[in-house]
Amino acid sequence: MYGETFVDQLFEKRKARMLQTYREIMRGQGFDQRVKTLASIQKEEGYMPHLEKIRDGLYTLEEANCPLLQVAIGHRQACQCEISLFESLVDAHVERTSCMAEGQVKCRYLIKDKLSHEES
């Protein structure tokens, strides 16, 4: 009804609100703790996350539920805003390797510490 620009603005406002809320919580935390805090936030938001440390500086985060799935199927901005939010909160490189809005069973992300990534 309002167009894609309106949808973009809605998701950007959601991201800004979440950044404001959660950045303060993560202030002073190291990479590992920020990733664990992100998983805790996603649990509170209903995403049913599973976090696994692959090695120092690298985690996988799987989400078995997406409260925004029906919206995300029609408006992929939701998924892009999620990645941007994760990168900003954790200060890391985030890559989505699986996406429910694209028909996969779970959303799955690789979260790489920028410092570890630069050394690799």
PDB file of N, CA and C in Angstrom:
ATOM      1  N   MET A   1       0.819  -1.183   0.000  1.00  0.00           N
ATOM      2  CA  MET A   1       0.000   0.000   0.000  1.00  0.00           C
ATOM      3  C   MET A   1       0.876   1.265   0.000  1.00  0.00           C
ATOM      4  N   TYR A   2       1.959   1.270   0.808  1.00  0.00           N
ATOM      5  CA  TYR A   2       2.807   2.455   0.906  1.00  0.00           C
ATOM      6  C   TYR A   2       4.074   2.345   0.066  1.00  0.00           C
ATOM      7  N   GLY A   3       4.362   1.167  -0.457  1.00  0.00           N
ATOM      8  CA  GLY A   3       5.545   0.994  -1.296  1.00  0.00           C
ATOM      9  C   GLY A   3       6.764   0.501  -0.535  1.00  0.00           C
ATOM     10  N   GLU A   4       7.769   0.143  -1.320  1.00  0.00           N
ATOM     11  CA  GLU A   4       8.998  -0.427  -0.768  1.00  0.00           C
ATOM     12  C   GLU A   4       9.775   0.570   0.093  1.00  0.00           C
ATOM     13  N   THR A   5       9.738   1.839  -0.261  1.00  0.00           N
ATOM     14  CA  THR A   5      10.454   2.848   0.529  1.00  0.00           C
ATOM     15  C   THR A   5       9.925   2.887   1.951  1.00  0.00           C
ATOM     16  N   PHE A   6       8.614   2.789   2.091  1.00  0.00           N
ATOM     17  CA  PHE A   6       7.997   2.785   3.411  1.00  0.00           C
ATOM     18  C   PHE A   6       8.444   1.554   4.200  1.00  0.00           C
ATOM     19  N   VAL A   7       8.469   0.401   3.547  1.00  0.00           N
ATOM     20  CA  VAL A   7       8.906  -0.842   4.195  1.00  0.00           C
ATOM     21  C   VAL A   7      10.365  -0.714   4.626  1.00  0.00           C
ATOM     22  N   ASP A   8      11.200  -0.159   3.743  1.00  0.00           N
ATOM     23  CA  ASP A   8      12.609   0.068   4.096  1.00  0.00           C
ATOM     24  C   ASP A   8      12.718   0.922   5.353  1.00  0.00           C
ATOM     25  N   GLN A   9      11.947   1.990   5.404  1.00  0.00           N
ATOM     26  CA  GLN A   9      11.978   2.896   6.553  1.00  0.00           C
ATOM     27  C   GLN A   9      11.534   2.195   7.835  1.00  0.00           C
ATOM     28  N   LEU A  10      10.510   1.366   7.740  1.00  0.00           N
ATOM     29  CA  LEU A  10      10.044   0.625   8.916  1.00  0.00           C
ATOM     30  C   LEU A  10      11.148  -0.265   9.480  1.00  0.00           C
ATOM     31  N   PHE A  11      11.826  -1.008   8.612  1.00  0.00           N
ATOM     32  CA  PHE A  11      12.875  -1.910   9.085  1.00  0.00           C
ATOM     33  C   PHE A  11      14.091  -1.144   9.590  1.00  0.00           C
ATOM     34  N   GLU A  12      14.413  -0.026   8.971  1.00  0.00           N
ATOM     35  CA  GLU A  12      15.523   0.790   9.460  1.00  0.00           C
ATOM     36  C   GLU A  12      15.201   1.363  10.836  1.00  0.00           C
ATOM     37  N   LYS A  13      13.966   1.778  11.048  1.00  0.00           N
ATOM     38  CA  LYS A  13      13.562   2.292  12.369  1.00  0.00           C
ATOM     39  C   LYS A  13      13.623   1.182  13.412  1.00  0.00           C
ATOM     40  N   ARG A  14      13.188  -0.013  13.044  1.00  0.00           N
ATOM     41  CA  ARG A  14      13.259  -1.160  13.961  1.00  0.00           C
ATOM     42  C   ARG A  14      14.714  -1.436  14.332  1.00  0.00           C
ATOM     43  N   LYS A  15      15.587  -1.437  13.318  1.00  0.00           N
ATOM     44  CA  LYS A  15      17.011  -1.685  13.563  1.00  0.00           C
ATOM     45  C   LYS A  15      17.590  -0.615  14.486  1.00  0.00           C
ATOM     46  N   ALA A  16      17.290   0.641  14.228  1.00  0.00           N
ATOM     47  CA  ALA A  16      17.811   1.740  15.054  1.00  0.00           C
ATOM     48  C   ALA A  16      17.332   1.614  16.497  1.00  0.00           C
ATOM     49  N   ARG A  17      16.081   1.251  16.683  1.00  0.00           N
ATOM     50  CA  ARG A  17      15.520   1.078  18.027  1.00  0.00           C
ATOM     51  C   ARG A  17      16.230  -0.064  18.761  1.00  0.00           C
ATOM     52  N   MET A  18      16.449  -1.169  18.061  1.00  0.00           N
ATOM     53  CA  MET A  18      17.114  -2.315  18.683  1.00  0.00           C
ATOM     54  C   MET A  18      18.581  -1.998  18.985  1.00  0.00           C
ATOM     55  N   LEU A  19      19.244  -1.284  18.076  1.00  0.00           N
ATOM     56  CA  LEU A  19      20.635  -0.890  18.327  1.00  0.00           C
ATOM     57  C   LEU A  19      20.729  -0.035  19.579  1.00  0.00           C
ATOM     58  N   GLN A  20      19.844   0.911  19.691  1.00  0.00           N
ATOM     59  CA  GLN A  20      19.853   1.804  20.856  1.00  0.00           C
ATOM     60  C   GLN A  20      19.637   1.008  22.144  1.00  0.00           C
ATOM     61  N   THR A  21      18.721   0.065  22.100  1.00  0.00           N
ATOM     62  CA  THR A  21      18.402  -0.740  23.284  1.00  0.00           C
ATOM     63  C   THR A  21      19.555  -1.659  23.677  1.00  0.00           C
ATOM     64  N   TYR A  22      20.146  -2.349  22.706  1.00  0.00           N
ATOM     65  CA  TYR A  22      21.086  -3.421  23.012  1.00  0.00           C
ATOM     66  C   TYR A  22      22.556  -3.023  22.995  1.00  0.00           C
ATOM     67  N   ARG A  23      22.916  -1.933  22.352  1.00  0.00           N
ATOM     68  CA  ARG A  23      24.332  -1.508  22.345  1.00  0.00           C
ATOM     69  C   ARG A  23      24.844  -1.259  23.754  1.00  0.00           C
ATOM     70  N   GLU A  24      24.012  -0.640  24.558  1.00  0.00           N
ATOM     71  CA  GLU A  24      24.426  -0.329  25.925  1.00  0.00           C
ATOM     72  C   GLU A  24      24.706  -1.609  26.714  1.00  0.00           C
ATOM     73  N   ILE A  25      23.889  -2.626  26.497  1.00  0.00           N
ATOM     74  CA  ILE A  25      24.077  -3.914  27.175  1.00  0.00           C
ATOM     75  C   ILE A  25      25.429  -4.520  26.806  1.00  0.00           C
ATOM     76  N   MET A  26      25.838  -4.349  25.543  1.00  0.00           N
ATOM     77  CA  MET A  26      27.059  -4.984  25.046  1.00  0.00           C
ATOM     78  C   MET A  26      28.314  -4.146  25.274  1.00  0.00           C
ATOM     79  N   ARG A  27      28.140  -2.926  25.719  1.00  0.00           N
ATOM     80  CA  ARG A  27      29.296  -2.047  25.928  1.00  0.00           C
ATOM     81  C   ARG A  27      30.305  -2.710  26.864  1.00  0.00           C
ATOM     82  N   GLY A  28      31.550  -2.742  26.439  1.00  0.00           N
ATOM     83  CA  GLY A  28      32.621  -3.297  27.262  1.00  0.00           C
ATOM     84  C   GLY A  28      32.776  -4.808  27.160  1.00  0.00           C
ATOM     85  N   GLN A  29      31.893  -5.481  26.444  1.00  0.00           N
ATOM     86  CA  GLN A  29      31.993  -6.938  26.309  1.00  0.00           C
ATOM     87  C   GLN A  29      32.988  -7.301  25.198  1.00  0.00           C
ATOM     88  N   GLY A  30      33.675  -8.412  25.378  1.00  0.00           N
ATOM     89  CA  GLY A  30      34.540  -8.946  24.333  1.00  0.00           C
ATOM     90  C   GLY A  30      33.702  -9.650  23.268  1.00  0.00           C
ATOM     91  N   PHE A  31      34.346 -10.059  22.191  1.00  0.00           N
ATOM     92  CA  PHE A  31      33.644 -10.685  21.066  1.00  0.00           C
ATOM     93  C   PHE A  31      32.789 -11.866  21.505  1.00  0.00           C
ATOM     94  N   ASP A  32      33.380 -12.814  22.244  1.00  0.00           N
ATOM     95  CA  ASP A  32      32.632 -14.009  22.647  1.00  0.00           C
ATOM     96  C   ASP A  32      31.375 -13.641  23.434  1.00  0.00           C
ATOM     97  N   GLN A  33      31.498 -12.722  24.360  1.00  0.00           N
ATOM     98  CA  GLN A  33      30.349 -12.338  25.176  1.00  0.00           C
ATOM     99  C   GLN A  33      29.299 -11.600  24.345  1.00  0.00           C
ATOM    100  N   ARG A  34      29.737 -10.767  23.389  1.00  0.00           N
ATOM    101  CA  ARG A  34      28.771 -10.071  22.521  1.00  0.00           C
ATOM    102  C   ARG A  34      27.954 -11.069  21.707  1.00  0.00           C
ATOM    103  N   VAL A  35      28.616 -12.109  21.198  1.00  0.00           N
ATOM    104  CA  VAL A  35      27.901 -13.127  20.416  1.00  0.00           C
ATOM    105  C   VAL A  35      26.905 -13.865  21.311  1.00  0.00           C
ATOM    106  N   LYS A  36      27.315 -14.201  22.522  1.00  0.00           N
ATOM    107  CA  LYS A  36      26.406 -14.868  23.457  1.00  0.00           C
ATOM    108  C   LYS A  36      25.238 -13.963  23.834  1.00  0.00           C
ATOM    109  N   THR A  37      25.497 -12.679  23.992  1.00  0.00           N
ATOM    110  CA  THR A  37      24.426 -11.728  24.292  1.00  0.00           C
ATOM    111  C   THR A  37      23.466 -11.632  23.119  1.00  0.00           C
ATOM    112  N   LEU A  38      23.990 -11.626  21.893  1.00  0.00           N
ATOM    113  CA  LEU A  38      23.134 -11.607  20.707  1.00  0.00           C
ATOM    114  C   LEU A  38      22.210 -12.824  20.696  1.00  0.00           C
ATOM    115  N   ALA A  39      22.752 -14.001  20.984  1.00  0.00           N
ATOM    116  CA  ALA A  39      21.931 -15.213  21.021  1.00  0.00           C
ATOM    117  C   ALA A  39      20.853 -15.096  22.095  1.00  0.00           C
ATOM    118  N   SER A  40      21.194 -14.518  23.229  1.00  0.00           N
ATOM    119  CA  SER A  40      20.221 -14.311  24.303  1.00  0.00           C
ATOM    120  C   SER A  40      19.111 -13.350  23.867  1.00  0.00           C
ATOM    121  N   ILE A  41      19.489 -12.287  23.176  1.00  0.00           N
ATOM    122  CA  ILE A  41      18.501 -11.332  22.656  1.00  0.00           C
ATOM    123  C   ILE A  41      17.565 -12.037  21.678  1.00  0.00           C
ATOM    124  N   GLN A  42      18.136 -12.829  20.787  1.00  0.00           N
ATOM    125  CA  GLN A  42      17.315 -13.529  19.789  1.00  0.00           C
ATOM    126  C   GLN A  42      16.377 -14.534  20.468  1.00  0.00           C
ATOM    127  N   LYS A  43      16.828 -15.132  21.556  1.00  0.00           N
ATOM    128  CA  LYS A  43      15.966 -16.040  22.314  1.00  0.00           C
ATOM    129  C   LYS A  43      14.778 -15.269  22.892  1.00  0.00           C
ATOM    130  N   GLU A  44      15.052 -14.110  23.492  1.00  0.00           N
ATOM    131  CA  GLU A  44      13.979 -13.277  24.054  1.00  0.00           C
ATOM    132  C   GLU A  44      12.994 -12.825  22.978  1.00  0.00           C
ATOM    133  N   GLU A  45      13.488 -12.625  21.756  1.00  0.00           N
ATOM    134  CA  GLU A  45      12.647 -12.157  20.651  1.00  0.00           C
ATOM    135  C   GLU A  45      11.874 -13.299  19.975  1.00  0.00           C
ATOM    136  N   GLY A  46      12.125 -14.548  20.397  1.00  0.00           N
ATOM    137  CA  GLY A  46      11.356 -15.681  19.882  1.00  0.00           C
ATOM    138  C   GLY A  46      11.955 -16.423  18.707  1.00  0.00           C
ATOM    139  N   TYR A  47      13.253 -16.246  18.457  1.00  0.00           N
ATOM    140  CA  TYR A  47      13.884 -16.879  17.294  1.00  0.00           C
ATOM    141  C   TYR A  47      14.367 -18.310  17.540  1.00  0.00           C
ATOM    142  N   MET A  48      14.332 -18.772  18.776  1.00  0.00           N
ATOM    143  CA  MET A  48      14.783 -20.119  19.133  1.00  0.00           C
ATOM    144  C   MET A  48      16.203 -20.402  18.606  1.00  0.00           C
ATOM    145  N   PRO A  49      17.185 -19.620  19.062  1.00  0.00           N
ATOM    146  CA  PRO A  49      18.542 -19.750  18.527  1.00  0.00           C
ATOM    147  C   PRO A  49      19.331 -20.909  19.126  1.00  0.00           C
ATOM    148  N   HIS A  50      20.297 -21.357  18.348  1.00  0.00           N
ATOM    149  CA  HIS A  50      21.297 -22.310  18.823  1.00  0.00           C
ATOM    150  C   HIS A  50      22.648 -21.737  18.414  1.00  0.00           C
ATOM    151  N   LEU A  51      23.504 -21.480  19.391  1.00  0.00           N
ATOM    152  CA  LEU A  51      24.816 -20.893  19.149  1.00  0.00           C
ATOM    153  C   LEU A  51      25.878 -21.963  19.321  1.00  0.00           C
ATOM    154  N   GLU A  52      26.814 -21.995  18.395  1.00  0.00           N
ATOM    155  CA  GLU A  52      27.914 -22.950  18.484  1.00  0.00           C
ATOM    156  C   GLU A  52      29.222 -22.255  18.128  1.00  0.00           C
ATOM    157  N   LYS A  53      30.220 -22.435  18.991  1.00  0.00           N
ATOM    158  CA  LYS A  53      31.552 -21.895  18.710  1.00  0.00           C
ATOM    159  C   LYS A  53      32.288 -22.908  17.843  1.00  0.00           C
ATOM    160  N   ILE A  54      32.729 -22.464  16.674  1.00  0.00           N
ATOM    161  CA  ILE A  54      33.462 -23.329  15.758  1.00  0.00           C
ATOM    162  C   ILE A  54      34.948 -23.331  16.135  1.00  0.00           C
ATOM    163  N   ARG A  55      35.470 -22.133  16.359  1.00  0.00           N
ATOM    164  CA  ARG A  55      36.859 -21.944  16.807  1.00  0.00           C
ATOM    165  C   ARG A  55      36.941 -20.511  17.319  1.00  0.00           C
ATOM    166  N   ASP A  56      38.086 -20.134  17.844  1.00  0.00           N
ATOM    167  CA  ASP A  56      38.249 -18.754  18.295  1.00  0.00           C
ATOM    168  C   ASP A  56      37.912 -17.801  17.155  1.00  0.00           C
ATOM    169  N   GLY A  57      37.028 -16.853  17.432  1.00  0.00           N
ATOM    170  CA  GLY A  57      36.676 -15.847  16.444  1.00  0.00           C
ATOM    171  C   GLY A  57      35.634 -16.260  15.439  1.00  0.00           C
ATOM    172  N   LEU A  58      35.031 -17.452  15.591  1.00  0.00           N
ATOM    173  CA  LEU A  58      34.034 -17.911  14.616  1.00  0.00           C
ATOM    174  C   LEU A  58      32.922 -18.704  15.304  1.00  0.00           C
ATOM    175  N   TYR A  59      31.702 -18.256  15.084  1.00  0.00           N
ATOM    176  CA  TYR A  59      30.509 -18.914  15.625  1.00  0.00           C
ATOM    177  C   TYR A  59      29.507 -19.166  14.510  1.00  0.00           C
ATOM    178  N   THR A  60      28.636 -20.150  14.747  1.00  0.00           N
ATOM    179  CA  THR A  60      27.432 -20.278  13.935  1.00  0.00           C
ATOM    180  C   THR A  60      26.246 -19.991  14.852  1.00  0.00           C
ATOM    181  N   LEU A  61      25.288 -19.289  14.312  1.00  0.00           N
ATOM    182  CA  LEU A  61      24.042 -19.008  15.015  1.00  0.00           C
ATOM    183  C   LEU A  61      22.920 -19.507  14.122  1.00  0.00           C
ATOM    184  N   GLU A  62      22.180 -20.491  14.623  1.00  0.00           N
ATOM    185  CA  GLU A  62      21.028 -21.011  13.894  1.00  0.00           C
ATOM    186  C   GLU A  62      19.765 -20.559  14.597  1.00  0.00           C
ATOM    187  N   GLU A  63      18.781 -20.190  13.813  1.00  0.00           N
ATOM    188  CA  GLU A  63      17.492 -19.786  14.353  1.00  0.00           C
ATOM    189  C   GLU A  63      16.423 -20.721  13.796  1.00  0.00           C
ATOM    190  N   ALA A  64      15.716 -21.401  14.699  1.00  0.00           N
ATOM    191  CA  ALA A  64      14.702 -22.371  14.303  1.00  0.00           C
ATOM    192  C   ALA A  64      13.331 -21.726  14.084  1.00  0.00           C
ATOM    193  N   ASN A  65      13.194 -20.459  14.445  1.00  0.00           N
ATOM    194  CA  ASN A  65      11.928 -19.755  14.289  1.00  0.00           C
ATOM    195  C   ASN A  65      12.204 -18.331  13.820  1.00  0.00           C
ATOM    196  N   CYS A  66      11.277 -17.780  13.055  1.00  0.00           N
ATOM    197  CA  CYS A  66      11.403 -16.389  12.631  1.00  0.00           C
ATOM    198  C   CYS A  66      10.053 -15.704  12.822  1.00  0.00           C
ATOM    199  N   PRO A  67       9.948 -14.859  13.843  1.00  0.00           N
ATOM    200  CA  PRO A  67       8.697 -14.141  14.067  1.00  0.00           C
ATOM    201  C   PRO A  67       8.307 -13.215  12.907  1.00  0.00           C
ATOM    202  N   LEU A  68       9.275 -12.886  12.056  1.00  0.00           N
ATOM    203  CA  LEU A  68       9.017 -11.996  10.922  1.00  0.00           C
ATOM    204  C   LEU A  68       8.892 -12.738   9.597  1.00  0.00           C
ATOM    205  N   LEU A  69       8.789 -14.066   9.631  1.00  0.00           N
ATOM    206  CA  LEU A  69       8.879 -14.866   8.415  1.00  0.00           C
ATOM    207  C   LEU A  69       7.895 -14.441   7.329  1.00  0.00           C
ATOM    208  N   GLN A  70       6.640 -14.293   7.677  1.00  0.00           N
ATOM    209  CA  GLN A  70       5.657 -13.943   6.650  1.00  0.00           C
ATOM    210  C   GLN A  70       5.953 -12.588   6.017  1.00  0.00           C
ATOM    211  N   VAL A  71       6.431 -11.657   6.802  1.00  0.00           N
ATOM    212  CA  VAL A  71       6.818 -10.347   6.268  1.00  0.00           C
ATOM    213  C   VAL A  71       8.089 -10.492   5.436  1.00  0.00           C
ATOM    214  N   ALA A  72       9.060 -11.259   5.949  1.00  0.00           N
ATOM    215  CA  ALA A  72      10.353 -11.417   5.277  1.00  0.00           C
ATOM    216  C   ALA A  72      10.214 -12.094   3.917  1.00  0.00           C
ATOM    217  N   ILE A  73       9.262 -12.979   3.772  1.00  0.00           N
ATOM    218  CA  ILE A  73       9.061 -13.640   2.479  1.00  0.00           C
ATOM    219  C   ILE A  73       8.726 -12.606   1.406  1.00  0.00           C
ATOM    220  N   GLY A  74       7.905 -11.636   1.758  1.00  0.00           N
ATOM    221  CA  GLY A  74       7.514 -10.617   0.795  1.00  0.00           C
ATOM    222  C   GLY A  74       8.410  -9.402   0.753  1.00  0.00           C
ATOM    223  N   HIS A  75       9.188  -9.205   1.811  1.00  0.00           N
ATOM    224  CA  HIS A  75      10.030  -8.014   1.913  1.00  0.00           C
ATOM    225  C   HIS A  75      11.395  -8.420   2.452  1.00  0.00           C
ATOM    226  N   ARG A  76      12.312  -8.684   1.560  1.00  0.00           N
ATOM    227  CA  ARG A  76      13.634  -9.191   1.934  1.00  0.00           C
ATOM    228  C   ARG A  76      14.449  -8.177   2.742  1.00  0.00           C
ATOM    229  N   GLN A  77      13.977  -6.932   2.808  1.00  0.00           N
ATOM    230  CA  GLN A  77      14.650  -5.934   3.633  1.00  0.00           C
ATOM    231  C   GLN A  77      14.744  -6.400   5.082  1.00  0.00           C
ATOM    232  N   ALA A  78      13.767  -7.180   5.520  1.00  0.00           N
ATOM    233  CA  ALA A  78      13.773  -7.684   6.898  1.00  0.00           C
ATOM    234  C   ALA A  78      15.040  -8.493   7.156  1.00  0.00           C
ATOM    235  N   CYS A  79      15.384  -9.358   6.224  1.00  0.00           N
ATOM    236  CA  CYS A  79      16.573 -10.201   6.381  1.00  0.00           C
ATOM    237  C   CYS A  79      17.854  -9.377   6.300  1.00  0.00           C
ATOM    238  N   GLN A  80      17.890  -8.427   5.391  1.00  0.00           N
ATOM    239  CA  GLN A  80      19.090  -7.595   5.257  1.00  0.00           C
ATOM    240  C   GLN A  80      19.294  -6.728   6.494  1.00  0.00           C
ATOM    241  N   CYS A  81      18.215  -6.205   7.045  1.00  0.00           N
ATOM    242  CA  CYS A  81      18.311  -5.406   8.272  1.00  0.00           C
ATOM    243  C   CYS A  81      18.804  -6.257   9.429  1.00  0.00           C
ATOM    244  N   GLU A  82      18.406  -7.526   9.456  1.00  0.00           N
ATOM    245  CA  GLU A  82      18.845  -8.429  10.524  1.00  0.00           C
ATOM    246  C   GLU A  82      20.361  -8.611  10.482  1.00  0.00           C
ATOM    247  N   ILE A  83      20.896  -8.842   9.296  1.00  0.00           N
ATOM    248  CA  ILE A  83      22.348  -9.001   9.154  1.00  0.00           C
ATOM    249  C   ILE A  83      23.058  -7.713   9.579  1.00  0.00           C
ATOM    250  N   SER A  84      22.555  -6.596   9.126  1.00  0.00           N
ATOM    251  CA  SER A  84      23.146  -5.306   9.476  1.00  0.00           C
ATOM    252  C   SER A  84      23.097  -5.069  10.987  1.00  0.00           C
ATOM    253  N   LEU A  85      21.992  -5.430  11.610  1.00  0.00           N
ATOM    254  CA  LEU A  85      21.853  -5.303  13.060  1.00  0.00           C
ATOM    255  C   LEU A  85      22.892  -6.163  13.769  1.00  0.00           C
ATOM    256  N   PHE A  86      23.013  -7.426  13.362  1.00  0.00           N
ATOM    257  CA  PHE A  86      23.979  -8.337  13.981  1.00  0.00           C
ATOM    258  C   PHE A  86      25.395  -7.779  13.853  1.00  0.00           C
ATOM    259  N   GLU A  87      25.761  -7.321  12.640  1.00  0.00           N
ATOM    260  CA  GLU A  87      27.105  -6.794  12.421  1.00  0.00           C
ATOM    261  C   GLU A  87      27.382  -5.592  13.314  1.00  0.00           C
ATOM    262  N   SER A  88      26.402  -4.719  13.438  1.00  0.00           N
ATOM    263  CA  SER A  88      26.577  -3.519  14.267  1.00  0.00           C
ATOM    264  C   SER A  88      26.673  -3.858  15.746  1.00  0.00           C
ATOM    265  N   LEU A  89      25.809  -4.742  16.220  1.00  0.00           N
ATOM    266  CA  LEU A  89      25.805  -5.080  17.641  1.00  0.00           C
ATOM    267  C   LEU A  89      27.064  -5.831  18.056  1.00  0.00           C
ATOM    268  N   VAL A  90      27.466  -6.794  17.263  1.00  0.00           N
ATOM    269  CA  VAL A  90      28.569  -7.670  17.640  1.00  0.00           C
ATOM    270  C   VAL A  90      29.912  -7.118  17.135  1.00  0.00           C
ATOM    271  N   ASP A  91      29.866  -6.153  16.226  1.00  0.00           N
ATOM    272  CA  ASP A  91      31.055  -5.608  15.580  1.00  0.00           C
ATOM    273  C   ASP A  91      31.841  -6.749  14.939  1.00  0.00           C
ATOM    274  N   ALA A  92      31.156  -7.427  14.009  1.00  0.00           N
ATOM    275  CA  ALA A  92      31.708  -8.615  13.379  1.00  0.00           C
ATOM    276  C   ALA A  92      31.239  -8.699  11.930  1.00  0.00           C
ATOM    277  N   HIS A  93      31.867  -9.588  11.187  1.00  0.00           N
ATOM    278  CA  HIS A  93      31.400  -9.911   9.843  1.00  0.00           C
ATOM    279  C   HIS A  93      30.339 -11.001  10.000  1.00  0.00           C
ATOM    280  N   VAL A  94      29.188 -10.808   9.389  1.00  0.00           N
ATOM    281  CA  VAL A  94      28.093 -11.773   9.495  1.00  0.00           C
ATOM    282  C   VAL A  94      27.681 -12.194   8.089  1.00  0.00           C
ATOM    283  N   GLU A  95      27.625 -13.507   7.894  1.00  0.00           N
ATOM    284  CA  GLU A  95      27.207 -14.064   6.611  1.00  0.00           C
ATOM    285  C   GLU A  95      26.044 -15.019   6.858  1.00  0.00           C
ATOM    286  N   ARG A  96      24.951 -14.816   6.136  1.00  0.00           N
ATOM    287  CA  ARG A  96      23.824 -15.747   6.255  1.00  0.00           C
ATOM    288  C   ARG A  96      24.065 -16.883   5.270  1.00  0.00           C
ATOM    289  N   THR A  97      24.023 -18.120   5.750  1.00  0.00           N
ATOM    290  CA  THR A  97      24.254 -19.282   4.899  1.00  0.00           C
ATOM    291  C   THR A  97      22.983 -20.079   4.644  1.00  0.00           C
ATOM    292  N   SER A  98      21.923 -19.743   5.359  1.00  0.00           N
ATOM    293  CA  SER A  98      20.635 -20.411   5.193  1.00  0.00           C
ATOM    294  C   SER A  98      19.560 -19.429   5.627  1.00  0.00           C
ATOM    295  N   CYS A  99      18.401 -19.453   4.919  1.00  0.00           N
ATOM    296  CA  CYS A  99      17.369 -18.462   5.205  1.00  0.00           C
ATOM    297  C   CYS A  99      15.972 -19.063   5.048  1.00  0.00           C
ATOM    298  N   MET A 100      15.171 -18.971   6.098  1.00  0.00           N
ATOM    299  CA  MET A 100      13.797 -19.486   6.052  1.00  0.00           C
ATOM    300  C   MET A 100      12.952 -18.770   5.001  1.00  0.00           C
ATOM    301  N   ALA A 101      13.191 -17.486   4.801  1.00  0.00           N
ATOM    302  CA  ALA A 101      12.416 -16.727   3.821  1.00  0.00           C
ATOM    303  C   ALA A 101      12.702 -17.193   2.394  1.00  0.00           C
ATOM    304  N   GLU A 102      13.815 -17.907   2.220  1.00  0.00           N
ATOM    305  CA  GLU A 102      14.161 -18.486   0.920  1.00  0.00           C
ATOM    306  C   GLU A 102      13.793 -19.958   0.833  1.00  0.00           C
ATOM    307  N   GLY A 103      13.099 -20.464   1.860  1.00  0.00           N
ATOM    308  CA  GLY A 103      12.611 -21.837   1.830  1.00  0.00           C
ATOM    309  C   GLY A 103      13.417 -22.843   2.635  1.00  0.00           C
ATOM    310  N   GLN A 104      14.527 -22.430   3.242  1.00  0.00           N
ATOM    311  CA  GLN A 104      15.293 -23.362   4.061  1.00  0.00           C
ATOM    312  C   GLN A 104      14.605 -23.559   5.413  1.00  0.00           C
ATOM    313  N   VAL A 105      15.018 -24.603   6.126  1.00  0.00           N
ATOM    314  CA  VAL A 105      14.398 -24.977   7.393  1.00  0.00           C
ATOM    315  C   VAL A 105      14.747 -23.999   8.517  1.00  0.00           C
ATOM    316  N   LYS A 106      15.969 -23.468   8.495  1.00  0.00           N
ATOM    317  CA  LYS A 106      16.435 -22.548   9.536  1.00  0.00           C
ATOM    318  C   LYS A 106      17.173 -21.381   8.893  1.00  0.00           C
ATOM    319  N   CYS A 107      17.293 -20.314   9.664  1.00  0.00           N
ATOM    320  CA  CYS A 107      18.231 -19.257   9.295  1.00  0.00           C
ATOM    321  C   CYS A 107      19.545 -19.609   9.985  1.00  0.00           C
ATOM    322  N   ARG A 108      20.624 -19.490   9.256  1.00  0.00           N
ATOM    323  CA  ARG A 108      21.933 -19.832   9.819  1.00  0.00           C
ATOM    324  C   ARG A 108      22.918 -18.744   9.434  1.00  0.00           C
ATOM    325  N   TYR A 109      23.694 -18.312  10.410  1.00  0.00           N
ATOM    326  CA  TYR A 109      24.660 -17.234  10.220  1.00  0.00           C
ATOM    327  C   TYR A 109      26.039 -17.689  10.664  1.00  0.00           C
ATOM    328  N   LEU A 110      27.059 -17.263   9.938  1.00  0.00           N
ATOM    329  CA  LEU A 110      28.437 -17.366  10.382  1.00  0.00           C
ATOM    330  C   LEU A 110      28.810 -15.997  10.925  1.00  0.00           C
ATOM    331  N   ILE A 111      29.318 -15.964  12.130  1.00  0.00           N
ATOM    332  CA  ILE A 111      29.704 -14.709  12.775  1.00  0.00           C
ATOM    333  C   ILE A 111      31.206 -14.764  13.025  1.00  0.00           C
ATOM    334  N   LYS A 112      31.938 -13.868  12.350  1.00  0.00           N
ATOM    335  CA  LYS A 112      33.401 -13.875  12.401  1.00  0.00           C
ATOM    336  C   LYS A 112      33.899 -12.594  13.050  1.00  0.00           C
ATOM    337  N   ASP A 113      34.737 -12.762  14.025  1.00  0.00           N
ATOM    338  CA  ASP A 113      35.383 -11.614  14.680  1.00  0.00           C
ATOM    339  C   ASP A 113      36.209 -10.879  13.623  1.00  0.00           C
ATOM    340  N   LYS A 114      36.037  -9.562  13.566  1.00  0.00           N
ATOM    341  CA  LYS A 114      36.787  -8.771  12.569  1.00  0.00           C
ATOM    342  C   LYS A 114      38.292  -8.934  12.740  1.00  0.00           C
ATOM    343  N   LEU A 115      38.755  -9.017  13.983  1.00  0.00           N
ATOM    344  CA  LEU A 115      40.192  -9.166  14.218  1.00  0.00           C
ATOM    345  C   LEU A 115      40.691 -10.507  13.705  1.00  0.00           C
ATOM    346  N   SER A 116      39.952 -11.579  13.969  1.00  0.00           N
ATOM    347  CA  SER A 116      40.333 -12.909  13.484  1.00  0.00           C
ATOM    348  C   SER A 116      40.255 -12.951  11.967  1.00  0.00           C
ATOM    349  N   HIS A 117      39.222 -12.284  11.434  1.00  0.00           N
ATOM    350  CA  HIS A 117      39.021 -12.276   9.980  1.00  0.00           C
ATOM    351  C   HIS A 117      40.180 -11.575   9.268  1.00  0.00           C
ATOM    352  N   GLU A 118      40.659 -10.488   9.861  1.00  0.00           N
ATOM    353  CA  GLU A 118      41.754  -9.742   9.245  1.00  0.00           C
ATOM    354  C   GLU A 118      43.051 -10.532   9.274  1.00  0.00           C
ATOM    355  N   GLU A 119      43.204 -11.374  10.307  1.00  0.00           N
ATOM    356  CA  GLU A 119      44.420 -12.179  10.426  1.00  0.00           C
ATOM    357  C   GLU A 119      44.405 -13.360   9.482  1.00  0.00           C
ATOM    358  N   SER A 120      43.211 -13.824   9.084  1.00  0.00           N
ATOM    359  CA  SER A 120      43.103 -15.013   8.225  1.00  0.00           C
ATOM    360  C   SER A 120      43.483 -14.715   6.793  1.00  0.00           C
TER     361      SER A 120
END
